């Protein structure tokens, strides 16, 4: 599998402090979709400016983990998707 075939989905809810280490551990050639269960525009702007391989979707309300993952999975255009928690560090 090549990195161009993978998109990582990360569901968050006010996880600004936890997610940064996770995002830094993801190689920049891998696409990332962050589904944020809030309407935090500052969070969206900050992480999209910091990580060029990342798209953040604001849900505006807490729809929950499963529903948010389903939204993210529908946006994936690559062959593979990986659901990752925001406190995970890739090694």
C-alpha atoms as a PDB file:
ATOM      1  CA  UNK A   1       0.000   0.000   0.000  1.00  0.00           C
ATOM      2  CA  UNK A   2       1.203   3.474  -0.838  1.00  0.00           C
ATOM      3  CA  UNK A   3       0.502   6.517   1.298  1.00  0.00           C
ATOM      4  CA  UNK A   4      -1.549   8.046  -1.542  1.00  0.00           C
ATOM      5  CA  UNK A   5      -4.038   5.176  -1.071  1.00  0.00           C
ATOM      6  CA  UNK A   6      -4.787   6.051   2.572  1.00  0.00           C
ATOM      7  CA  UNK A   7      -6.899   8.658   4.332  1.00  0.00           C
ATOM      8  CA  UNK A   8      -6.917   8.922   8.118  1.00  0.00           C
ATOM      9  CA  UNK A   9     -10.160   9.910   9.858  1.00  0.00           C
ATOM     10  CA  UNK A  10      -9.873  11.474  13.319  1.00  0.00           C
ATOM     11  CA  UNK A  11     -12.990  12.364  15.302  1.00  0.00           C
ATOM     12  CA  UNK A  12     -12.543  15.024  17.962  1.00  0.00           C
ATOM     13  CA  UNK A  13     -14.549  16.910  20.530  1.00  0.00           C
ATOM     14  CA  UNK A  14     -12.622  19.781  22.052  1.00  0.00           C
ATOM     15  CA  UNK A  15      -9.357  17.835  21.749  1.00  0.00           C
ATOM     16  CA  UNK A  16      -7.113  20.736  20.720  1.00  0.00           C
ATOM     17  CA  UNK A  17      -4.361  19.824  23.163  1.00  0.00           C
ATOM     18  CA  UNK A  18      -4.376  16.078  22.490  1.00  0.00           C
ATOM     19  CA  UNK A  19      -4.571  16.058  18.706  1.00  0.00           C
ATOM     20  CA  UNK A  20      -1.438  18.085  17.908  1.00  0.00           C
ATOM     21  CA  UNK A  21       0.979  15.277  18.834  1.00  0.00           C
ATOM     22  CA  UNK A  22      -1.132  12.827  16.858  1.00  0.00           C
ATOM     23  CA  UNK A  23      -1.114  15.014  13.740  1.00  0.00           C
ATOM     24  CA  UNK A  24       2.633  15.617  13.971  1.00  0.00           C
ATOM     25  CA  UNK A  25       3.187  11.852  13.988  1.00  0.00           C
ATOM     26  CA  UNK A  26       1.341  11.343  10.667  1.00  0.00           C
ATOM     27  CA  UNK A  27       3.535  11.527   7.553  1.00  0.00           C
ATOM     28  CA  UNK A  28       2.639  14.661   5.537  1.00  0.00           C
ATOM     29  CA  UNK A  29       1.889  12.702   2.360  1.00  0.00           C
ATOM     30  CA  UNK A  30      -1.068  10.946   4.021  1.00  0.00           C
ATOM     31  CA  UNK A  31      -4.450  12.679   3.782  1.00  0.00           C
ATOM     32  CA  UNK A  32      -6.190  13.434   7.068  1.00  0.00           C
ATOM     33  CA  UNK A  33      -9.818  14.329   7.707  1.00  0.00           C
ATOM     34  CA  UNK A  34     -10.608  15.662  11.169  1.00  0.00           C
ATOM     35  CA  UNK A  35     -14.267  15.611  12.137  1.00  0.00           C
ATOM     36  CA  UNK A  36     -14.775  18.069  15.001  1.00  0.00           C
ATOM     37  CA  UNK A  37     -17.991  17.619  16.989  1.00  0.00           C
ATOM     38  CA  UNK A  38     -18.328  21.356  17.646  1.00  0.00           C
ATOM     39  CA  UNK A  39     -18.395  24.675  15.815  1.00  0.00           C
ATOM     40  CA  UNK A  40     -14.890  25.800  16.872  1.00  0.00           C
ATOM     41  CA  UNK A  41     -13.762  27.881  13.873  1.00  0.00           C
ATOM     42  CA  UNK A  42     -10.424  28.752  15.549  1.00  0.00           C
ATOM     43  CA  UNK A  43      -9.573  25.066  15.943  1.00  0.00           C
ATOM     44  CA  UNK A  44     -10.383  24.432  12.260  1.00  0.00           C
ATOM     45  CA  UNK A  45      -8.359  27.404  11.056  1.00  0.00           C
ATOM     46  CA  UNK A  46      -5.336  26.586  13.242  1.00  0.00           C
ATOM     47  CA  UNK A  47      -4.969  22.934  12.288  1.00  0.00           C
ATOM     48  CA  UNK A  48      -5.695  23.491   8.585  1.00  0.00           C
ATOM     49  CA  UNK A  49      -3.022  26.212   8.517  1.00  0.00           C
ATOM     50  CA  UNK A  50      -0.544  24.026  10.371  1.00  0.00           C
ATOM     51  CA  UNK A  51      -1.064  20.805   8.342  1.00  0.00           C
ATOM     52  CA  UNK A  52      -1.417  21.075   4.560  1.00  0.00           C
ATOM     53  CA  UNK A  53      -2.546  17.439   4.252  1.00  0.00           C
ATOM     54  CA  UNK A  54      -5.537  18.013   6.530  1.00  0.00           C
ATOM     55  CA  UNK A  55      -9.186  18.964   6.054  1.00  0.00           C
ATOM     56  CA  UNK A  56     -11.285  19.758   9.131  1.00  0.00           C
ATOM     57  CA  UNK A  57     -15.056  19.418   9.108  1.00  0.00           C
ATOM     58  CA  UNK A  58     -17.034  21.179  11.848  1.00  0.00           C
ATOM     59  CA  UNK A  59     -20.290  19.423  12.698  1.00  0.00           C
ATOM     60  CA  UNK A  60     -21.650  22.281  14.799  1.00  0.00           C
ATOM     61  CA  UNK A  61     -22.829  19.917  17.512  1.00  0.00           C
ATOM     62  CA  UNK A  62     -21.712  16.730  19.227  1.00  0.00           C
ATOM     63  CA  UNK A  63     -23.128  13.980  17.007  1.00  0.00           C
ATOM     64  CA  UNK A  64     -21.006  11.331  18.715  1.00  0.00           C
ATOM     65  CA  UNK A  65     -18.102   9.137  17.731  1.00  0.00           C
ATOM     66  CA  UNK A  66     -19.837   6.666  15.403  1.00  0.00           C
ATOM     67  CA  UNK A  67     -21.907   9.241  13.505  1.00  0.00           C
ATOM     68  CA  UNK A  68     -18.872  11.502  13.049  1.00  0.00           C
ATOM     69  CA  UNK A  69     -16.768   8.602  11.749  1.00  0.00           C
ATOM     70  CA  UNK A  70     -19.500   7.741   9.243  1.00  0.00           C
ATOM     71  CA  UNK A  71     -19.492  11.342   8.006  1.00  0.00           C
ATOM     72  CA  UNK A  72     -15.711  11.225   7.622  1.00  0.00           C
ATOM     73  CA  UNK A  73     -15.758   7.860   5.866  1.00  0.00           C
ATOM     74  CA  UNK A  74     -18.220   9.190   3.290  1.00  0.00           C
ATOM     75  CA  UNK A  75     -15.667  11.908   2.407  1.00  0.00           C
ATOM     76  CA  UNK A  76     -12.811   9.452   1.753  1.00  0.00           C
ATOM     77  CA  UNK A  77     -11.733   9.192  -1.877  1.00  0.00           C
ATOM     78  CA  UNK A  78      -8.778   6.854  -1.365  1.00  0.00           C
ATOM     79  CA  UNK A  79      -8.762   3.061  -1.493  1.00  0.00           C
ATOM     80  CA  UNK A  80      -8.199   2.701   2.265  1.00  0.00           C
ATOM     81  CA  UNK A  81      -9.320   4.562   5.376  1.00  0.00           C
ATOM     82  CA  UNK A  82      -7.959   4.383   8.900  1.00  0.00           C
ATOM     83  CA  UNK A  83     -10.018   5.537  11.883  1.00  0.00           C
ATOM     84  CA  UNK A  84      -7.651   6.959  14.476  1.00  0.00           C
ATOM     85  CA  UNK A  85      -8.224   8.398  17.953  1.00  0.00           C
ATOM     86  CA  UNK A  86      -6.839  11.916  18.560  1.00  0.00           C
ATOM     87  CA  UNK A  87      -4.593  10.763  21.415  1.00  0.00           C
ATOM     88  CA  UNK A  88      -2.772   8.169  19.264  1.00  0.00           C
ATOM     89  CA  UNK A  89       0.862   8.701  18.282  1.00  0.00           C
ATOM     90  CA  UNK A  90       2.073   6.813  15.198  1.00  0.00           C
ATOM     91  CA  UNK A  91       5.490   5.251  15.515  1.00  0.00           C
END
